[in-house]
Protein backbone atom coordinates (compact mmCIF):
# COMPACT_ATOMS: atom_id res chain seq x y z
CA MET A 1 -16.05 47.93 42.42
CA ALA A 2 -19.46 47.78 43.33
CA ALA A 3 -18.79 48.77 46.76
CA GLY A 4 -17.33 51.88 45.22
CA LEU A 5 -20.26 52.77 43.39
CA ILE A 6 -22.45 52.51 46.48
CA TYR A 7 -19.89 54.81 48.36
CA ALA A 8 -20.10 57.17 45.72
CA LEU A 9 -23.79 57.08 45.42
CA VAL A 10 -24.28 57.54 48.98
CA VAL A 11 -21.81 60.23 49.56
CA THR A 12 -23.14 62.09 46.65
CA SER A 13 -26.94 61.57 47.64
CA VAL A 14 -27.19 62.96 51.33
CA PRO A 15 -27.06 66.72 51.30
CA VAL A 16 -24.72 68.05 53.88
CA PRO A 17 -25.74 71.58 55.32
CA ALA A 18 -23.22 74.05 56.06
CA HIS A 19 -24.48 73.81 59.63
CA ALA A 20 -24.48 69.85 59.75
CA ALA A 21 -22.27 68.63 62.67
CA SER A 22 -18.92 66.62 62.01
CA LYS A 23 -20.34 63.58 64.48
CA GLU A 24 -23.27 62.83 61.71
CA ILE A 25 -21.02 62.90 58.93
CA ILE A 26 -18.39 60.62 60.83
CA GLU A 27 -21.72 58.21 61.77
CA LEU A 28 -22.28 58.30 57.91
CA GLN A 29 -19.04 57.46 56.81
CA THR A 30 -19.30 54.40 59.36
CA GLN A 31 -22.16 53.22 57.96
CA VAL A 32 -20.89 53.50 54.49
CA GLN A 33 -17.69 51.56 55.49
CA GLN A 34 -19.63 48.83 57.02
CA LEU A 35 -21.85 48.48 54.10
CA MET A 36 -18.65 48.10 51.79
CA ASP A 37 -17.56 45.55 54.25
CA MET A 38 -20.64 43.52 54.12
CA VAL A 39 -20.31 43.83 50.13
CA GLN A 40 -16.93 42.68 49.66
CA ARG A 41 -17.79 39.77 52.19
CA LEU A 42 -20.84 38.89 50.01
CA GLN A 43 -18.83 39.01 46.78
CA SER A 44 -15.94 37.13 48.39
CA THR A 45 -18.68 34.45 49.45
CA VAL A 46 -20.03 34.66 45.96
CA ASP A 47 -16.73 33.81 44.43
CA THR A 48 -15.97 31.01 46.85
CA ARG A 49 -19.32 29.40 46.13
CA MET A 50 -18.86 29.71 42.44
CA GLY A 51 -15.27 28.04 42.49
CA VAL A 52 -16.40 25.21 44.68
CA MET A 53 -19.39 24.84 42.00
CA GLN A 54 -17.42 25.08 39.34
CA HIS A 55 -14.85 22.51 40.79
CA LEU A 56 -17.73 20.06 41.27
CA VAL A 57 -18.86 20.85 37.61
CA GLU A 58 -15.31 19.84 36.30
CA GLN A 59 -15.44 16.71 38.68
CA THR A 60 -19.01 15.98 37.78
CA ALA A 61 -17.43 15.79 34.04
CA ASP A 62 -14.78 13.80 34.60
CA ASN A 63 -16.71 11.50 36.30
CA ALA A 64 -18.85 11.15 33.33
CA ASN A 65 -16.13 11.11 30.78
CA GLN A 66 -14.93 7.86 32.76
CA MET A 67 -18.00 6.33 33.07
CA ASN A 68 -18.55 6.75 28.94
CA ALA A 69 -14.81 5.27 28.79
CA THR A 70 -15.98 2.47 31.05
CA ILE A 71 -19.01 1.81 29.12
CA ASN A 72 -17.33 1.86 25.91
CA ALA A 73 -14.58 -0.67 27.25
CA LEU A 74 -17.39 -2.93 28.51
CA GLN A 75 -19.21 -2.96 25.25
CA LEU A 76 -16.14 -3.79 23.19
CA LYS A 77 -15.18 -6.49 25.49
CA ILE A 78 -19.06 -7.71 25.45
CA ASN A 79 -18.59 -7.70 21.50
CA GLY A 80 -15.13 -9.14 21.55
CA GLN A 81 -16.97 -12.04 23.59
CA THR A 82 -19.57 -12.45 21.71
CA GLU A 83 -17.59 -12.83 18.41
CA ALA A 84 -15.41 -15.09 20.07
CA THR A 85 -18.64 -16.89 21.11
CA GLY A 86 -19.70 -17.23 17.69
CA GLY A 87 -16.20 -18.18 16.41
CA LYS A 88 -16.42 -21.15 18.74
CA LEU A 89 -19.85 -22.13 17.77
CA ASP A 90 -18.77 -21.93 14.21
CA THR A 91 -15.72 -23.96 14.65
CA VAL A 92 -17.70 -26.43 16.44
CA SER A 93 -20.05 -26.57 14.07
CA GLY A 94 -17.35 -27.37 11.49
CA GLN A 95 -15.97 -30.12 13.43
CA VAL A 96 -19.43 -31.67 13.75
CA GLN A 97 -19.79 -31.39 10.05
CA SER A 98 -16.40 -32.90 9.85
CA LEU A 99 -17.47 -35.80 11.81
CA ASN A 100 -20.30 -36.36 10.19
CA ASP A 101 -18.35 -36.39 6.75
CA SER A 102 -16.21 -39.02 8.28
CA VAL A 103 -18.75 -41.33 9.39
CA ASP A 104 -20.12 -41.04 5.94
CA GLU A 105 -17.03 -41.87 4.24
CA LEU A 106 -16.57 -44.89 6.86
CA LYS A 107 -19.84 -46.11 5.75
CA THR A 108 -19.10 -45.94 2.02
CA ARG A 109 -15.92 -47.89 2.74
CA LEU A 110 -17.85 -50.77 4.53
CA ALA A 111 -20.08 -50.64 1.86
CA LYS A 112 -17.08 -51.41 -0.59
CA LEU A 113 -15.64 -53.73 1.74
CA ASP A 114 -18.90 -55.67 1.83
CA LYS A 115 -19.19 -55.42 -1.91
CA SER A 116 -15.78 -56.79 -2.07
CA LEU A 117 -16.39 -59.74 0.09
CA SER A 118 -19.74 -60.65 -1.56
CA ASP A 119 -18.10 -60.91 -4.73
CA MET A 120 -15.21 -63.14 -3.25
CA GLN A 121 -17.46 -65.51 -1.79
CA ALA A 122 -19.39 -65.37 -5.28
CA GLN A 123 -15.98 -66.40 -7.01
CA LEU A 124 -15.43 -69.13 -4.47
CA GLN A 125 -18.48 -70.49 -4.48
CA ASN A 126 -18.04 -70.89 -8.49
CA ILE A 127 -14.73 -72.55 -8.13
CA GLN A 128 -15.92 -75.04 -5.66
CA THR A 129 -18.89 -75.86 -7.78
CA PRO A 130 -17.92 -77.88 -10.68
CA PRO A 131 -19.80 -77.63 -13.83
CA GLN A 132 -22.61 -79.87 -14.46
CA PRO A 133 -22.72 -81.82 -17.96
CA ALA A 134 -25.25 -80.61 -20.29
CA PRO A 135 -28.75 -81.86 -20.29
CA GLY A 136 -29.26 -85.33 -22.26
CA SER A 137 -25.50 -85.96 -22.79
CA GLN A 138 -24.39 -89.44 -21.69
CA ILE A 139 -20.98 -91.41 -21.51
CA PRO A 140 -20.97 -94.98 -22.55
CA ALA A 141 -20.39 -97.70 -20.08
CA GLY A 142 -16.70 -98.53 -19.82
CA GLN A 143 -15.43 -95.38 -21.51
CA THR A 144 -14.05 -92.45 -19.96
CA PRO A 145 -14.76 -88.82 -21.17
CA GLY A 146 -12.11 -88.29 -24.47
CA GLY A 147 -10.42 -91.56 -23.82
CA PRO A 148 -10.53 -95.15 -25.42
CA SER A 149 -13.32 -97.51 -24.82
CA SER A 150 -12.88 -100.62 -23.01
CA GLY A 151 -12.95 -102.33 -26.31
CA GLY A 152 -9.78 -101.05 -27.45
CA GLN A 153 -11.56 -98.64 -29.86
CA GLY A 154 -10.43 -94.94 -29.59
CA THR A 155 -12.59 -91.67 -30.36
CA ASP A 156 -11.78 -89.87 -33.63
CA GLN A 157 -9.65 -87.10 -32.21
CA GLY A 158 -9.89 -84.89 -35.40
CA ALA A 159 -13.94 -85.31 -35.32
CA PRO A 160 -15.92 -82.22 -34.03
CA PRO A 161 -17.93 -82.46 -31.22
CA GLN A 162 -21.55 -83.96 -31.85
CA GLY A 163 -24.21 -81.66 -31.92
CA GLY A 164 -22.65 -78.91 -33.56
CA GLY A 165 -23.36 -76.35 -30.32
CA GLY A 166 -20.43 -77.49 -28.05
CA VAL A 167 -17.37 -75.46 -27.36
CA ALA A 168 -13.99 -76.96 -28.30
CA PRO A 169 -11.57 -78.45 -25.66
CA GLY A 170 -9.60 -75.34 -24.41
CA ALA A 171 -11.80 -72.72 -25.97
CA VAL A 172 -13.31 -70.05 -23.59
CA ALA A 173 -16.96 -68.96 -23.90
CA PRO A 174 -17.01 -65.03 -24.60
CA ALA A 175 -18.59 -63.36 -21.70
CA ALA A 176 -21.76 -61.53 -22.22
CA ASN A 177 -21.94 -57.74 -21.63
CA ALA A 178 -18.12 -57.69 -20.32
CA ALA A 179 -17.10 -54.46 -18.55
CA PRO A 180 -14.73 -52.39 -20.19
CA PRO A 181 -11.50 -51.79 -18.61
CA LEU A 182 -11.95 -48.91 -15.56
CA LYS A 183 -8.85 -46.62 -16.14
CA ASP A 184 -9.08 -46.82 -19.67
CA THR A 185 -12.76 -45.80 -19.63
CA PHE A 186 -12.38 -43.07 -17.01
CA GLN A 187 -9.16 -41.80 -18.90
CA SER A 188 -10.97 -41.55 -22.62
CA GLY A 189 -13.75 -39.87 -20.43
CA VAL A 190 -11.48 -37.30 -19.47
CA ARG A 191 -9.72 -36.69 -22.37
CA ASP A 192 -13.27 -36.19 -24.50
CA TYR A 193 -14.18 -33.80 -21.78
CA ASN A 194 -11.26 -31.72 -22.20
CA ALA A 195 -11.77 -31.94 -26.06
CA ALA A 196 -15.29 -30.68 -25.50
CA HIS A 197 -17.01 -34.11 -26.52
CA TYR A 198 -19.71 -33.77 -23.80
CA ASP A 199 -21.99 -36.45 -25.44
CA VAL A 200 -19.14 -39.07 -25.74
CA ALA A 201 -17.62 -38.23 -22.25
CA ALA A 202 -20.64 -38.30 -20.59
CA SER A 203 -21.44 -42.02 -22.00
CA GLU A 204 -17.98 -42.93 -20.82
CA PHE A 205 -18.36 -41.57 -17.38
CA GLN A 206 -21.69 -43.33 -17.16
CA ASP A 207 -19.98 -46.69 -17.77
CA VAL A 208 -17.89 -46.19 -15.06
CA LEU A 209 -20.67 -45.59 -12.70
CA HIS A 210 -22.64 -48.54 -14.17
CA TYR A 211 -19.75 -51.13 -13.97
CA TYR A 212 -17.63 -49.71 -10.99
CA PRO A 213 -20.01 -48.14 -8.52
CA MET A 214 -18.06 -48.76 -5.70
CA ASP A 215 -14.55 -47.69 -6.92
CA ASP A 216 -12.87 -44.56 -6.07
CA LEU A 217 -13.02 -43.41 -9.71
CA ALA A 218 -16.74 -43.28 -9.75
CA GLY A 219 -16.85 -40.28 -7.46
CA SER A 220 -14.72 -38.21 -9.81
CA ALA A 221 -16.50 -39.79 -12.89
CA GLN A 222 -20.03 -38.54 -11.11
CA PHE A 223 -17.85 -34.89 -10.79
CA TYR A 224 -16.98 -34.65 -14.43
CA LEU A 225 -20.77 -35.35 -14.95
CA GLY A 226 -21.69 -32.32 -13.08
CA GLU A 227 -19.23 -30.57 -15.01
CA ILE A 228 -20.48 -31.24 -18.16
CA ALA A 229 -23.88 -30.26 -17.39
CA TYR A 230 -22.44 -26.84 -15.57
CA ARG A 231 -20.69 -26.29 -18.96
CA GLN A 232 -23.74 -26.85 -20.98
CA LEU A 233 -25.76 -24.31 -18.67
CA ASN A 234 -27.92 -26.85 -17.25
CA PHE A 235 -27.66 -26.02 -13.59
CA ALA A 236 -29.86 -27.82 -12.01
CA ASP A 237 -28.67 -31.18 -13.24
CA ALA A 238 -25.00 -30.20 -12.43
CA VAL A 239 -26.27 -29.64 -8.80
CA LYS A 240 -27.85 -32.96 -8.84
CA SER A 241 -24.80 -34.72 -9.96
CA TYR A 242 -22.55 -32.50 -7.36
CA ASN A 243 -24.88 -33.94 -4.54
CA ALA A 244 -24.25 -37.17 -5.53
CA VAL A 245 -20.52 -36.79 -5.16
CA LEU A 246 -21.23 -35.19 -1.89
CA GLU A 247 -23.61 -37.84 -0.56
CA GLY A 248 -22.49 -41.16 -1.96
CA PHE A 249 -18.42 -40.21 -2.26
CA PRO A 250 -17.92 -37.81 0.88
CA GLY A 251 -14.35 -38.94 1.08
CA SER A 252 -13.68 -38.40 -2.79
CA PRO A 253 -10.61 -35.96 -3.97
CA LYS A 254 -13.40 -34.20 -5.51
CA ALA A 255 -15.61 -33.42 -3.04
CA PRO A 256 -14.33 -30.05 -2.30
CA ALA A 257 -14.29 -28.77 -6.11
CA ALA A 258 -17.82 -30.62 -6.15
CA GLN A 259 -19.14 -28.14 -3.00
CA LEU A 260 -17.53 -25.23 -4.80
CA ARG A 261 -19.32 -25.84 -8.01
CA LYS A 262 -22.40 -26.51 -6.35
CA GLY A 263 -22.30 -23.63 -4.51
CA LEU A 264 -21.72 -21.56 -7.99
CA ALA A 265 -24.30 -23.60 -9.89
CA LEU A 266 -26.82 -22.64 -6.99
CA LEU A 267 -25.62 -18.93 -7.45
CA GLN A 268 -26.39 -19.14 -11.10
CA LEU A 269 -30.01 -20.51 -10.45
CA ASN A 270 -30.64 -17.38 -8.17
CA LYS A 271 -30.52 -19.56 -5.15
CA ARG A 272 -28.49 -16.85 -3.17
CA ASP A 273 -28.93 -18.18 0.39
CA ALA A 274 -28.35 -21.74 -0.62
CA GLY A 275 -25.11 -20.80 -2.40
CA VAL A 276 -23.71 -18.83 0.22
CA HIS A 277 -24.65 -21.65 2.64
CA GLU A 278 -22.62 -24.04 0.22
CA LEU A 279 -19.64 -21.95 -0.03
CA ARG A 280 -19.39 -21.17 3.92
CA THR A 281 -19.99 -25.14 4.45
CA LEU A 282 -16.87 -25.65 2.08
CA ILE A 283 -14.60 -23.35 3.97
CA GLN A 284 -15.86 -24.89 7.29
CA ARG A 285 -15.08 -28.43 6.12
CA HIS A 286 -12.13 -27.98 3.96
CA PRO A 287 -10.46 -24.56 4.92
CA GLN A 288 -6.94 -25.19 3.78
CA THR A 289 -8.00 -26.00 0.10
CA PRO A 290 -7.46 -24.11 -3.20
CA GLU A 291 -11.38 -24.54 -3.37
CA ALA A 292 -11.84 -22.78 -0.11
CA ALA A 293 -9.76 -20.01 -1.17
CA GLN A 294 -11.89 -19.57 -4.33
CA ALA A 295 -15.09 -19.61 -1.96
CA ARG A 296 -13.72 -16.73 0.29
CA THR A 297 -12.93 -14.81 -2.96
CA LYS A 298 -16.30 -15.27 -4.04
CA LEU A 299 -18.35 -13.95 -0.90
CA ASN A 300 -15.69 -11.17 -0.41
CA SER A 301 -16.63 -10.04 -4.14
CA MET A 302 -20.48 -10.37 -2.96
CA GLY A 303 -19.98 -8.23 -0.07
CA VAL A 304 -20.98 -11.31 1.99
CA ARG A 305 -19.47 -12.29 5.40
CA ILE A 306 -17.25 -15.69 5.30
CA VAL A 307 -18.51 -16.59 8.81
CA ALA A 308 -22.46 -16.80 9.41
CA PRO A 309 -23.46 -14.36 11.97
CA ALA A 310 -24.87 -16.06 15.00
CA PRO A 311 -28.53 -16.33 15.61
CA GLY A 312 -29.79 -13.02 17.11
CA ARG A 313 -27.06 -11.12 16.61
């Protein structure tokens, strides 16, 4: 189209006298044709280069898209590896904590065994040591205790012992400050707790801890003391009682419940970070327990991640 315009312009702009020779017209037409050929070649060159440039632009765009996809895939892979590494670290941390709990439980059992051995040794010593006669009491010569004398005279079997302060033969002296029965005391405490008789229940659980501090039920009694404090909205004392269960009775069946309730009590005290830490620790230590399920539900309701993020993320 451009060549046609040039041709028309040249033809119309050149005056042709009537006397002009046909040779000049032919030369002019030849020059115009050459010019048109040059314009066509230029147009072809421009079109070719434009095609090449368009191909290069498209190729560059494809390369950029591929690079972007590669970078995204690499980022996803890095994020996945970071998450996996964080999960492994959390798992290792949980295993180490479980190992520490096992060691604490073993220490508690060893302490109980040591206490039992000491009690057995004391009982054996008491059995092997004969009772000493009361001060000032003497047995007459030739007379056995409670038997006839050498002179054939016997003792008055119906007479009471002299002095008025002895114990009749066969009688057992009452034990001072005798311990109450363990199971009966504990069960009575549970009944009073369920009946909301908290002061009576607390006294009974305290008796279990006082008289049977190394028994397994002592851990449960300590837990119920925390529950009483929790129900009475005394969350600080509740946390102390739950801590006593976790530290003194790590192998108690009440340990998962104690950790759950400790976390909830800390949240009630507006100690959010400490409470979240306790709930996460519970999930790591006892992941398959109902208490761990309750901890997950609580964290989800708070909008908190169940697994703590690794440092630096």
